[in-house]
mmCIF file of all heavy atoms, coordinates in Angstrom:
data_MODEL
# 
_entry.id   MODEL 
# 
loop_
_atom_site.group_PDB 
_atom_site.id 
_atom_site.type_symbol 
_atom_site.label_atom_id 
_atom_site.label_alt_id 
_atom_site.label_comp_id 
_atom_site.label_asym_id 
_atom_site.label_entity_id 
_atom_site.label_seq_id 
_atom_site.pdbx_PDB_ins_code 
_atom_site.Cartn_x 
_atom_site.Cartn_y 
_atom_site.Cartn_z 
_atom_site.occupancy 
_atom_site.B_iso_or_equiv 
_atom_site.pdbx_formal_charge 
_atom_site.auth_seq_id 
_atom_site.auth_comp_id 
_atom_site.auth_asym_id 
_atom_site.auth_atom_id 
_atom_site.pdbx_PDB_model_num 
ATOM 1   N N   . ILE A 1 1  ? 162.738 -20.539 183.212 1.00 0.00 ? 1  ILE A N   1 
ATOM 2   C CA  . ILE A 1 1  ? 163.421 -19.437 183.891 1.00 0.00 ? 1  ILE A CA  1 
ATOM 3   C C   . ILE A 1 1  ? 162.420 -18.570 184.636 1.00 0.00 ? 1  ILE A C   1 
ATOM 4   O O   . ILE A 1 1  ? 162.621 -18.219 185.804 1.00 0.00 ? 1  ILE A O   1 
ATOM 5   C CB  . ILE A 1 1  ? 164.213 -18.588 182.878 1.00 0.00 ? 1  ILE A CB  1 
ATOM 6   C CG1 . ILE A 1 1  ? 165.411 -19.376 182.355 1.00 0.00 ? 1  ILE A CG1 1 
ATOM 7   C CG2 . ILE A 1 1  ? 164.661 -17.273 183.503 1.00 0.00 ? 1  ILE A CG2 1 
ATOM 8   C CD1 . ILE A 1 1  ? 166.126 -18.710 181.201 1.00 0.00 ? 1  ILE A CD1 1 
ATOM 9   N N   . GLU A 1 2  ? 161.321 -18.235 183.971 1.00 0.00 ? 2  GLU A N   1 
ATOM 10  C CA  . GLU A 1 2  ? 160.324 -17.365 184.606 1.00 0.00 ? 2  GLU A CA  1 
ATOM 11  C C   . GLU A 1 2  ? 159.718 -18.024 185.837 1.00 0.00 ? 2  GLU A C   1 
ATOM 12  O O   . GLU A 1 2  ? 159.457 -17.355 186.850 1.00 0.00 ? 2  GLU A O   1 
ATOM 13  C CB  . GLU A 1 2  ? 159.234 -17.003 183.596 1.00 0.00 ? 2  GLU A CB  1 
ATOM 14  C CG  . GLU A 1 2  ? 158.275 -15.914 184.078 1.00 0.00 ? 2  GLU A CG  1 
ATOM 15  C CD  . GLU A 1 2  ? 158.976 -14.613 184.441 1.00 0.00 ? 2  GLU A CD  1 
ATOM 16  O OE1 . GLU A 1 2  ? 159.986 -14.267 183.790 1.00 0.00 ? 2  GLU A OE1 1 
ATOM 17  O OE2 . GLU A 1 2  ? 158.510 -13.951 185.402 1.00 0.00 ? 2  GLU A OE2 1 
ATOM 18  N N   . TYR A 1 3  ? 159.506 -19.326 185.792 1.00 0.00 ? 3  TYR A N   1 
ATOM 19  C CA  . TYR A 1 3  ? 159.012 -20.047 186.962 1.00 0.00 ? 3  TYR A CA  1 
ATOM 20  C C   . TYR A 1 3  ? 159.978 -19.872 188.132 1.00 0.00 ? 3  TYR A C   1 
ATOM 21  O O   . TYR A 1 3  ? 159.565 -19.594 189.265 1.00 0.00 ? 3  TYR A O   1 
ATOM 22  C CB  . TYR A 1 3  ? 158.844 -21.524 186.639 1.00 0.00 ? 3  TYR A CB  1 
ATOM 23  C CG  . TYR A 1 3  ? 158.603 -22.381 187.865 1.00 0.00 ? 3  TYR A CG  1 
ATOM 24  C CD1 . TYR A 1 3  ? 157.329 -22.515 188.409 1.00 0.00 ? 3  TYR A CD1 1 
ATOM 25  C CD2 . TYR A 1 3  ? 159.662 -23.037 188.499 1.00 0.00 ? 3  TYR A CD2 1 
ATOM 26  C CE1 . TYR A 1 3  ? 157.115 -23.278 189.552 1.00 0.00 ? 3  TYR A CE1 1 
ATOM 27  C CE2 . TYR A 1 3  ? 159.455 -23.796 189.642 1.00 0.00 ? 3  TYR A CE2 1 
ATOM 28  C CZ  . TYR A 1 3  ? 158.186 -23.920 190.159 1.00 0.00 ? 3  TYR A CZ  1 
ATOM 29  O OH  . TYR A 1 3  ? 157.983 -24.662 191.295 1.00 0.00 ? 3  TYR A OH  1 
ATOM 30  N N   . LEU A 1 4  ? 161.273 -20.028 187.874 1.00 0.00 ? 4  LEU A N   1 
ATOM 31  C CA  . LEU A 1 4  ? 162.267 -19.896 188.940 1.00 0.00 ? 4  LEU A CA  1 
ATOM 32  C C   . LEU A 1 4  ? 162.326 -18.461 189.464 1.00 0.00 ? 4  LEU A C   1 
ATOM 33  O O   . LEU A 1 4  ? 162.422 -18.239 190.677 1.00 0.00 ? 4  LEU A O   1 
ATOM 34  C CB  . LEU A 1 4  ? 163.635 -20.334 188.433 1.00 0.00 ? 4  LEU A CB  1 
ATOM 35  C CG  . LEU A 1 4  ? 163.815 -21.839 188.216 1.00 0.00 ? 4  LEU A CG  1 
ATOM 36  C CD1 . LEU A 1 4  ? 165.106 -22.126 187.449 1.00 0.00 ? 4  LEU A CD1 1 
ATOM 37  C CD2 . LEU A 1 4  ? 163.824 -22.586 189.549 1.00 0.00 ? 4  LEU A CD2 1 
ATOM 38  N N   . LEU A 1 5  ? 162.268 -17.483 188.567 1.00 0.00 ? 5  LEU A N   1 
ATOM 39  C CA  . LEU A 1 5  ? 162.332 -16.087 189.007 1.00 0.00 ? 5  LEU A CA  1 
ATOM 40  C C   . LEU A 1 5  ? 161.125 -15.721 189.858 1.00 0.00 ? 5  LEU A C   1 
ATOM 41  O O   . LEU A 1 5  ? 161.253 -15.022 190.875 1.00 0.00 ? 5  LEU A O   1 
ATOM 42  C CB  . LEU A 1 5  ? 162.439 -15.156 187.794 1.00 0.00 ? 5  LEU A CB  1 
ATOM 43  C CG  . LEU A 1 5  ? 163.688 -15.314 186.920 1.00 0.00 ? 5  LEU A CG  1 
ATOM 44  C CD1 . LEU A 1 5  ? 163.682 -14.275 185.807 1.00 0.00 ? 5  LEU A CD1 1 
ATOM 45  C CD2 . LEU A 1 5  ? 164.957 -15.209 187.742 1.00 0.00 ? 5  LEU A CD2 1 
ATOM 46  N N   . ARG A 1 6  ? 159.944 -16.171 189.456 1.00 0.00 ? 6  ARG A N   1 
ATOM 47  C CA  . ARG A 1 6  ? 158.747 -15.910 190.273 1.00 0.00 ? 6  ARG A CA  1 
ATOM 48  C C   . ARG A 1 6  ? 158.857 -16.599 191.626 1.00 0.00 ? 6  ARG A C   1 
ATOM 49  O O   . ARG A 1 6  ? 158.397 -16.073 192.637 1.00 0.00 ? 6  ARG A O   1 
ATOM 50  C CB  . ARG A 1 6  ? 157.490 -16.394 189.554 1.00 0.00 ? 6  ARG A CB  1 
ATOM 51  C CG  . ARG A 1 6  ? 157.104 -15.562 188.335 1.00 0.00 ? 6  ARG A CG  1 
ATOM 52  C CD  . ARG A 1 6  ? 155.636 -15.812 187.968 1.00 0.00 ? 6  ARG A CD  1 
ATOM 53  N NE  . ARG A 1 6  ? 155.345 -17.227 187.854 1.00 0.00 ? 6  ARG A NE  1 
ATOM 54  C CZ  . ARG A 1 6  ? 155.418 -17.923 186.722 1.00 0.00 ? 6  ARG A CZ  1 
ATOM 55  N NH1 . ARG A 1 6  ? 155.794 -17.315 185.607 1.00 0.00 ? 6  ARG A NH1 1 
ATOM 56  N NH2 . ARG A 1 6  ? 155.132 -19.213 186.696 1.00 0.00 ? 6  ARG A NH2 1 
ATOM 57  N N   . ARG A 1 7  ? 159.469 -17.759 191.650 1.00 0.00 ? 7  ARG A N   1 
ATOM 58  C CA  . ARG A 1 7  ? 159.625 -18.522 192.882 1.00 0.00 ? 7  ARG A CA  1 
ATOM 59  C C   . ARG A 1 7  ? 160.429 -17.753 193.924 1.00 0.00 ? 7  ARG A C   1 
ATOM 60  O O   . ARG A 1 7  ? 160.266 -17.938 195.118 1.00 0.00 ? 7  ARG A O   1 
ATOM 61  C CB  . ARG A 1 7  ? 160.333 -19.848 192.551 1.00 0.00 ? 7  ARG A CB  1 
ATOM 62  C CG  . ARG A 1 7  ? 160.370 -20.873 193.651 1.00 0.00 ? 7  ARG A CG  1 
ATOM 63  C CD  . ARG A 1 7  ? 161.251 -22.031 193.228 1.00 0.00 ? 7  ARG A CD  1 
ATOM 64  N NE  . ARG A 1 7  ? 161.123 -23.205 194.061 1.00 0.00 ? 7  ARG A NE  1 
ATOM 65  C CZ  . ARG A 1 7  ? 161.647 -23.332 195.278 1.00 0.00 ? 7  ARG A CZ  1 
ATOM 66  N NH1 . ARG A 1 7  ? 162.317 -22.331 195.798 1.00 0.00 ? 7  ARG A NH1 1 
ATOM 67  N NH2 . ARG A 1 7  ? 161.486 -24.453 195.965 1.00 0.00 ? 7  ARG A NH2 1 
ATOM 68  N N   . SER A 1 8  ? 161.328 -16.886 193.467 1.00 0.00 ? 8  SER A N   1 
ATOM 69  C CA  . SER A 1 8  ? 162.184 -16.149 194.392 1.00 0.00 ? 8  SER A CA  1 
ATOM 70  C C   . SER A 1 8  ? 161.410 -15.138 195.228 1.00 0.00 ? 8  SER A C   1 
ATOM 71  O O   . SER A 1 8  ? 161.825 -14.791 196.332 1.00 0.00 ? 8  SER A O   1 
ATOM 72  C CB  . SER A 1 8  ? 163.277 -15.404 193.619 1.00 0.00 ? 8  SER A CB  1 
ATOM 73  O OG  . SER A 1 8  ? 162.741 -14.267 192.950 1.00 0.00 ? 8  SER A OG  1 
ATOM 74  N N   . GLN A 1 9  ? 160.306 -14.613 194.673 1.00 0.00 ? 9  GLN A N   1 
ATOM 75  C CA  . GLN A 1 9  ? 159.481 -13.603 195.332 1.00 0.00 ? 9  GLN A CA  1 
ATOM 76  C C   . GLN A 1 9  ? 160.284 -12.347 195.692 1.00 0.00 ? 9  GLN A C   1 
ATOM 77  O O   . GLN A 1 9  ? 159.997 -11.674 196.679 1.00 0.00 ? 9  GLN A O   1 
ATOM 78  C CB  . GLN A 1 9  ? 158.804 -14.178 196.585 1.00 0.00 ? 9  GLN A CB  1 
ATOM 79  C CG  . GLN A 1 9  ? 157.830 -15.305 196.271 1.00 0.00 ? 9  GLN A CG  1 
ATOM 80  C CD  . GLN A 1 9  ? 157.084 -15.804 197.490 1.00 0.00 ? 9  GLN A CD  1 
ATOM 81  O OE1 . GLN A 1 9  ? 157.550 -15.702 198.624 1.00 0.00 ? 9  GLN A OE1 1 
ATOM 82  N NE2 . GLN A 1 9  ? 155.908 -16.348 197.266 1.00 0.00 ? 9  GLN A NE2 1 
ATOM 83  N N   . ARG A 1 10 ? 161.297 -12.040 194.890 1.00 0.00 ? 10 ARG A N   1 
ATOM 84  C CA  . ARG A 1 10 ? 162.030 -10.785 195.100 1.00 0.00 ? 10 ARG A CA  1 
ATOM 85  C C   . ARG A 1 10 ? 161.194 -9.639  194.540 1.00 0.00 ? 10 ARG A C   1 
ATOM 86  O O   . ARG A 1 10 ? 160.843 -9.630  193.355 1.00 0.00 ? 10 ARG A O   1 
ATOM 87  C CB  . ARG A 1 10 ? 163.393 -10.835 194.405 1.00 0.00 ? 10 ARG A CB  1 
ATOM 88  C CG  . ARG A 1 10 ? 164.370 -11.837 195.020 1.00 0.00 ? 10 ARG A CG  1 
ATOM 89  C CD  . ARG A 1 10 ? 165.738 -11.717 194.359 1.00 0.00 ? 10 ARG A CD  1 
ATOM 90  N NE  . ARG A 1 10 ? 166.662 -12.726 194.811 1.00 0.00 ? 10 ARG A NE  1 
ATOM 91  C CZ  . ARG A 1 10 ? 167.445 -12.617 195.885 1.00 0.00 ? 10 ARG A CZ  1 
ATOM 92  N NH1 . ARG A 1 10 ? 167.382 -11.521 196.626 1.00 0.00 ? 10 ARG A NH1 1 
ATOM 93  N NH2 . ARG A 1 10 ? 168.278 -13.595 196.212 1.00 0.00 ? 10 ARG A NH2 1 
ATOM 94  N N   . ARG A 1 11 ? 160.879 -8.665  195.361 1.00 0.00 ? 11 ARG A N   1 
ATOM 95  C CA  . ARG A 1 11 ? 159.987 -7.581  194.954 1.00 0.00 ? 11 ARG A CA  1 
ATOM 96  C C   . ARG A 1 11 ? 160.632 -6.635  193.957 1.00 0.00 ? 11 ARG A C   1 
ATOM 97  O O   . ARG A 1 11 ? 159.947 -6.034  193.125 1.00 0.00 ? 11 ARG A O   1 
ATOM 98  C CB  . ARG A 1 11 ? 159.538 -6.802  196.191 1.00 0.00 ? 11 ARG A CB  1 
ATOM 99  C CG  . ARG A 1 11 ? 158.700 -7.631  197.168 1.00 0.00 ? 11 ARG A CG  1 
ATOM 100 C CD  . ARG A 1 11 ? 158.312 -6.809  198.372 1.00 0.00 ? 11 ARG A CD  1 
ATOM 101 N NE  . ARG A 1 11 ? 157.534 -7.590  199.325 1.00 0.00 ? 11 ARG A NE  1 
ATOM 102 C CZ  . ARG A 1 11 ? 157.109 -7.126  200.495 1.00 0.00 ? 11 ARG A CZ  1 
ATOM 103 N NH1 . ARG A 1 11 ? 157.382 -5.870  200.846 1.00 0.00 ? 11 ARG A NH1 1 
ATOM 104 N NH2 . ARG A 1 11 ? 156.408 -7.898  201.317 1.00 0.00 ? 11 ARG A NH2 1 
ATOM 105 N N   . ASP A 1 12 ? 161.955 -6.465  194.046 1.00 0.00 ? 12 ASP A N   1 
ATOM 106 C CA  . ASP A 1 12 ? 162.625 -5.490  193.181 1.00 0.00 ? 12 ASP A CA  1 
ATOM 107 C C   . ASP A 1 12 ? 163.220 -6.114  191.922 1.00 0.00 ? 12 ASP A C   1 
ATOM 108 O O   . ASP A 1 12 ? 163.842 -5.416  191.117 1.00 0.00 ? 12 ASP A O   1 
ATOM 109 C CB  . ASP A 1 12 ? 163.719 -4.753  193.956 1.00 0.00 ? 12 ASP A CB  1 
ATOM 110 C CG  . ASP A 1 12 ? 164.644 -5.711  194.712 1.00 0.00 ? 12 ASP A CG  1 
ATOM 111 O OD1 . ASP A 1 12 ? 164.470 -6.941  194.565 1.00 0.00 ? 12 ASP A OD1 1 
ATOM 112 O OD2 . ASP A 1 12 ? 165.530 -5.237  195.442 1.00 0.00 ? 12 ASP A OD2 1 
ATOM 113 N N   . ASP A 1 13 ? 163.049 -7.416  191.742 1.00 0.00 ? 13 ASP A N   1 
ATOM 114 C CA  . ASP A 1 13 ? 163.529 -8.102  190.542 1.00 0.00 ? 13 ASP A CA  1 
ATOM 115 C C   . ASP A 1 13 ? 165.031 -7.912  190.311 1.00 0.00 ? 13 ASP A C   1 
ATOM 116 O O   . ASP A 1 13 ? 165.493 -7.779  189.172 1.00 0.00 ? 13 ASP A O   1 
ATOM 117 C CB  . ASP A 1 13 ? 162.758 -7.641  189.304 1.00 0.00 ? 13 ASP A CB  1 
ATOM 118 C CG  . ASP A 1 13 ? 161.346 -8.228  189.257 1.00 0.00 ? 13 ASP A CG  1 
ATOM 119 O OD1 . ASP A 1 13 ? 161.025 -9.065  190.117 1.00 0.00 ? 13 ASP A OD1 1 
ATOM 120 O OD2 . ASP A 1 13 ? 160.570 -7.835  188.364 1.00 0.00 ? 13 ASP A OD2 1 
ATOM 121 N N   . VAL A 1 14 ? 165.792 -7.893  191.379 1.00 0.00 ? 14 VAL A N   1 
ATOM 122 C CA  . VAL A 1 14 ? 167.250 -7.882  191.307 1.00 0.00 ? 14 VAL A CA  1 
ATOM 123 C C   . VAL A 1 14 ? 167.779 -8.828  192.372 1.00 0.00 ? 14 VAL A C   1 
ATOM 124 O O   . VAL A 1 14 ? 167.074 -9.140  193.341 1.00 0.00 ? 14 VAL A O   1 
ATOM 125 C CB  . VAL A 1 14 ? 167.858 -6.474  191.509 1.00 0.00 ? 14 VAL A CB  1 
ATOM 126 C CG1 . VAL A 1 14 ? 167.406 -5.509  190.432 1.00 0.00 ? 14 VAL A CG1 1 
ATOM 127 C CG2 . VAL A 1 14 ? 167.541 -5.936  192.896 1.00 0.00 ? 14 VAL A CG2 1 
ATOM 128 N N   . PHE A 1 15 ? 169.019 -9.291  192.210 1.00 0.00 ? 15 PHE A N   1 
ATOM 129 C CA  . PHE A 1 15 ? 169.622 -10.142 193.229 1.00 0.00 ? 15 PHE A CA  1 
ATOM 130 C C   . PHE A 1 15 ? 171.073 -9.728  193.430 1.00 0.00 ? 15 PHE A C   1 
ATOM 131 O O   . PHE A 1 15 ? 171.720 -9.203  192.518 1.00 0.00 ? 15 PHE A O   1 
ATOM 132 C CB  . PHE A 1 15 ? 169.528 -11.624 192.857 1.00 0.00 ? 15 PHE A CB  1 
ATOM 133 C CG  . PHE A 1 15 ? 170.253 -12.010 191.599 1.00 0.00 ? 15 PHE A CG  1 
ATOM 134 C CD1 . PHE A 1 15 ? 171.532 -12.546 191.644 1.00 0.00 ? 15 PHE A CD1 1 
ATOM 135 C CD2 . PHE A 1 15 ? 169.661 -11.857 190.350 1.00 0.00 ? 15 PHE A CD2 1 
ATOM 136 C CE1 . PHE A 1 15 ? 172.195 -12.913 190.486 1.00 0.00 ? 15 PHE A CE1 1 
ATOM 137 C CE2 . PHE A 1 15 ? 170.316 -12.232 189.188 1.00 0.00 ? 15 PHE A CE2 1 
ATOM 138 C CZ  . PHE A 1 15 ? 171.591 -12.754 189.259 1.00 0.00 ? 15 PHE A CZ  1 
ATOM 139 N N   . PRO A 1 16 ? 171.609 -9.954  194.635 1.00 0.00 ? 16 PRO A N   1 
ATOM 140 C CA  . PRO A 1 16 ? 172.964 -9.485  194.932 1.00 0.00 ? 16 PRO A CA  1 
ATOM 141 C C   . PRO A 1 16 ? 174.027 -10.553 194.665 1.00 0.00 ? 16 PRO A C   1 
ATOM 142 O O   . PRO A 1 16 ? 173.783 -11.751 194.789 1.00 0.00 ? 16 PRO A O   1 
ATOM 143 C CB  . PRO A 1 16 ? 172.882 -9.180  196.433 1.00 0.00 ? 16 PRO A CB  1 
ATOM 144 C CG  . PRO A 1 16 ? 171.933 -10.228 196.952 1.00 0.00 ? 16 PRO A CG  1 
ATOM 145 C CD  . PRO A 1 16 ? 170.910 -10.432 195.851 1.00 0.00 ? 16 PRO A CD  1 
ATOM 146 N N   . ILE A 1 17 ? 175.214 -10.089 194.296 1.00 0.00 ? 17 ILE A N   1 
ATOM 147 C CA  . ILE A 1 17 ? 176.405 -10.933 194.218 1.00 0.00 ? 17 ILE A CA  1 
ATOM 148 C C   . ILE A 1 17 ? 177.545 -10.152 194.859 1.00 0.00 ? 17 ILE A C   1 
ATOM 149 O O   . ILE A 1 17 ? 177.762 -8.976  194.517 1.00 0.00 ? 17 ILE A O   1 
ATOM 150 C CB  . ILE A 1 17 ? 176.798 -11.282 192.778 1.00 0.00 ? 17 ILE A CB  1 
ATOM 151 C CG1 . ILE A 1 17 ? 175.667 -12.007 192.052 1.00 0.00 ? 17 ILE A CG1 1 
ATOM 152 C CG2 . ILE A 1 17 ? 178.058 -12.154 192.761 1.00 0.00 ? 17 ILE A CG2 1 
ATOM 153 C CD1 . ILE A 1 17 ? 176.012 -12.372 190.614 1.00 0.00 ? 17 ILE A CD1 1 
ATOM 154 N N   . ARG A 1 18 ? 178.262 -10.777 195.762 1.00 0.00 ? 18 ARG A N   1 
ATOM 155 C CA  . ARG A 1 18 ? 179.415 -10.111 196.351 1.00 0.00 ? 18 ARG A CA  1 
ATOM 156 C C   . ARG A 1 18 ? 180.508 -9.894  195.296 1.00 0.00 ? 18 ARG A C   1 
ATOM 157 O O   . ARG A 1 18 ? 180.707 -10.711 194.412 1.00 0.00 ? 18 ARG A O   1 
ATOM 158 C CB  . ARG A 1 18 ? 179.985 -10.933 197.502 1.00 0.00 ? 18 ARG A CB  1 
ATOM 159 C CG  . ARG A 1 18 ? 179.186 -10.847 198.791 1.00 0.00 ? 18 ARG A CG  1 
ATOM 160 C CD  . ARG A 1 18 ? 179.849 -11.678 199.880 1.00 0.00 ? 18 ARG A CD  1 
ATOM 161 N NE  . ARG A 1 18 ? 179.229 -11.456 201.171 1.00 0.00 ? 18 ARG A NE  1 
ATOM 162 C CZ  . ARG A 1 18 ? 178.181 -12.158 201.639 1.00 0.00 ? 18 ARG A CZ  1 
ATOM 163 N NH1 . ARG A 1 18 ? 177.655 -13.121 200.884 1.00 0.00 ? 18 ARG A NH1 1 
ATOM 164 N NH2 . ARG A 1 18 ? 177.670 -11.907 202.821 1.00 0.00 ? 18 ARG A NH2 1 
ATOM 165 N N   . ARG A 1 19 ? 181.240 -8.787  195.458 1.00 0.00 ? 19 ARG A N   1 
ATOM 166 C CA  . ARG A 1 19 ? 182.337 -8.478  194.540 1.00 0.00 ? 19 ARG A CA  1 
ATOM 167 C C   . ARG A 1 19 ? 183.405 -9.562  194.554 1.00 0.00 ? 19 ARG A C   1 
ATOM 168 O O   . ARG A 1 19 ? 184.124 -9.760  193.575 1.00 0.00 ? 19 ARG A O   1 
ATOM 169 C CB  . ARG A 1 19 ? 182.948 -7.124  194.900 1.00 0.00 ? 19 ARG A CB  1 
ATOM 170 C CG  . ARG A 1 19 ? 184.045 -6.672  193.938 1.00 0.00 ? 19 ARG A CG  1 
ATOM 171 C CD  . ARG A 1 19 ? 184.703 -5.399  194.407 1.00 0.00 ? 19 ARG A CD  1 
ATOM 172 N NE  . ARG A 1 19 ? 183.849 -4.260  194.167 1.00 0.00 ? 19 ARG A NE  1 
ATOM 173 C CZ  . ARG A 1 19 ? 184.065 -3.048  194.689 1.00 0.00 ? 19 ARG A CZ  1 
ATOM 174 N NH1 . ARG A 1 19 ? 185.081 -2.865  195.524 1.00 0.00 ? 19 ARG A NH1 1 
ATOM 175 N NH2 . ARG A 1 19 ? 183.263 -2.038  194.406 1.00 0.00 ? 19 ARG A NH2 1 
ATOM 176 N N   . GLU A 1 20 ? 183.512 -10.302 195.655 1.00 0.00 ? 20 GLU A N   1 
ATOM 177 C CA  . GLU A 1 20 ? 184.538 -11.340 195.769 1.00 0.00 ? 20 GLU A CA  1 
ATOM 178 C C   . GLU A 1 20 ? 184.324 -12.470 194.759 1.00 0.00 ? 20 GLU A C   1 
ATOM 179 O O   . GLU A 1 20 ? 185.233 -13.268 194.528 1.00 0.00 ? 20 GLU A O   1 
ATOM 180 C CB  . GLU A 1 20 ? 184.568 -11.906 197.186 1.00 0.00 ? 20 GLU A CB  1 
ATOM 181 C CG  . GLU A 1 20 ? 183.279 -12.562 197.621 1.00 0.00 ? 20 GLU A CG  1 
ATOM 182 C CD  . GLU A 1 20 ? 183.194 -12.767 199.125 1.00 0.00 ? 20 GLU A CD  1 
ATOM 183 O OE1 . GLU A 1 20 ? 183.861 -12.054 199.883 1.00 0.00 ? 20 GLU A OE1 1 
ATOM 184 O OE2 . GLU A 1 20 ? 182.432 -13.660 199.529 1.00 0.00 ? 20 GLU A OE2 1 
ATOM 185 N N   . PHE A 1 21 ? 183.171 -12.543 194.155 1.00 0.00 ? 21 PHE A N   1 
ATOM 186 C CA  . PHE A 1 21 ? 182.951 -13.508 193.079 1.00 0.00 ? 21 PHE A CA  1 
ATOM 187 C C   . PHE A 1 21 ? 183.828 -13.158 191.875 1.00 0.00 ? 21 PHE A C   1 
ATOM 188 O O   . PHE A 1 21 ? 184.260 -14.039 191.128 1.00 0.00 ? 21 PHE A O   1 
ATOM 189 C CB  . PHE A 1 21 ? 181.476 -13.514 192.675 1.00 0.00 ? 21 PHE A CB  1 
ATOM 190 C CG  . PHE A 1 21 ? 181.136 -14.483 191.573 1.00 0.00 ? 21 PHE A CG  1 
ATOM 191 C CD1 . PHE A 1 21 ? 181.296 -15.844 191.745 1.00 0.00 ? 21 PHE A CD1 1 
ATOM 192 C CD2 . PHE A 1 21 ? 180.644 -14.032 190.350 1.00 0.00 ? 21 PHE A CD2 1 
ATOM 193 C CE1 . PHE A 1 21 ? 180.981 -16.746 190.728 1.00 0.00 ? 21 PHE A CE1 1 
ATOM 194 C CE2 . PHE A 1 21 ? 180.321 -14.915 189.336 1.00 0.00 ? 21 PHE A CE2 1 
ATOM 195 C CZ  . PHE A 1 21 ? 180.496 -16.280 189.528 1.00 0.00 ? 21 PHE A CZ  1 
ATOM 196 N N   . ILE A 1 22 ? 184.105 -11.858 191.697 1.00 0.00 ? 22 ILE A N   1 
ATOM 197 C CA  . ILE A 1 22 ? 184.952 -11.385 190.608 1.00 0.00 ? 22 ILE A CA  1 
ATOM 198 C C   . ILE A 1 22 ? 186.420 -11.420 191.026 1.00 0.00 ? 22 ILE A C   1 
ATOM 199 O O   . ILE A 1 22 ? 187.270 -11.933 190.292 1.00 0.00 ? 22 ILE A O   1 
ATOM 200 C CB  . ILE A 1 22 ? 184.580 -9.941  190.201 1.00 0.00 ? 22 ILE A CB  1 
ATOM 201 C CG1 . ILE A 1 22 ? 183.054 -9.794  190.023 1.00 0.00 ? 22 ILE A CG1 1 
ATOM 202 C CG2 . ILE A 1 22 ? 185.343 -9.520  188.955 1.00 0.00 ? 22 ILE A CG2 1 
ATOM 203 C CD1 . ILE A 1 22 ? 182.480 -10.611 188.931 1.00 0.00 ? 22 ILE A CD1 1 
ATOM 204 N N   . ARG A 1 23 ? 186.694 -10.868 192.186 1.00 0.00 ? 23 ARG A N   1 
ATOM 205 C CA  . ARG A 1 23 ? 188.068 -10.770 192.691 1.00 0.00 ? 23 ARG A CA  1 
ATOM 206 C C   . ARG A 1 23 ? 188.029 -10.934 194.197 1.00 0.00 ? 23 ARG A C   1 
ATOM 207 O O   . ARG A 1 23 ? 187.276 -10.246 194.883 1.00 0.00 ? 23 ARG A O   1 
ATOM 208 C CB  . ARG A 1 23 ? 188.675 -9.430  192.290 1.00 0.00 ? 23 ARG A CB  1 
ATOM 209 C CG  . ARG A 1 23 ? 190.175 -9.362  192.549 1.00 0.00 ? 23 ARG A CG  1 
ATOM 210 C CD  . ARG A 1 23 ? 190.839 -8.446  191.549 1.00 0.00 ? 23 ARG A CD  1 
ATOM 211 N NE  . ARG A 1 23 ? 192.284 -8.334  191.791 1.00 0.00 ? 23 ARG A NE  1 
ATOM 212 C CZ  . ARG A 1 23 ? 193.177 -9.184  191.320 1.00 0.00 ? 23 ARG A CZ  1 
ATOM 213 N NH1 . ARG A 1 23 ? 192.783 -10.223 190.605 1.00 0.00 ? 23 ARG A NH1 1 
ATOM 214 N NH2 . ARG A 1 23 ? 194.466 -9.009  191.563 1.00 0.00 ? 23 ARG A NH2 1 
ATOM 215 N N   . THR A 1 24 ? 188.840 -11.833 194.724 1.00 0.00 ? 24 THR A N   1 
ATOM 216 C CA  . THR A 1 24 ? 188.724 -12.196 196.132 1.00 0.00 ? 24 THR A CA  1 
ATOM 217 C C   . THR A 1 24 ? 190.059 -12.056 196.854 1.00 0.00 ? 24 THR A C   1 
ATOM 218 O O   . THR A 1 24 ? 191.119 -11.934 196.221 1.00 0.00 ? 24 THR A O   1 
ATOM 219 C CB  . THR A 1 24 ? 188.196 -13.636 196.266 1.00 0.00 ? 24 THR A CB  1 
ATOM 220 O OG1 . THR A 1 24 ? 187.832 -13.892 197.616 1.00 0.00 ? 24 THR A OG1 1 
ATOM 221 C CG2 . THR A 1 24 ? 189.247 -14.651 195.820 1.00 0.00 ? 24 THR A CG2 1 
# 
């Protein structure tokens, strides 16, 4: 998991998901 997270190179250590994943 840590290998994959480092691979993302996201500086803020968060990622977005649209609300439509919950309700569309």
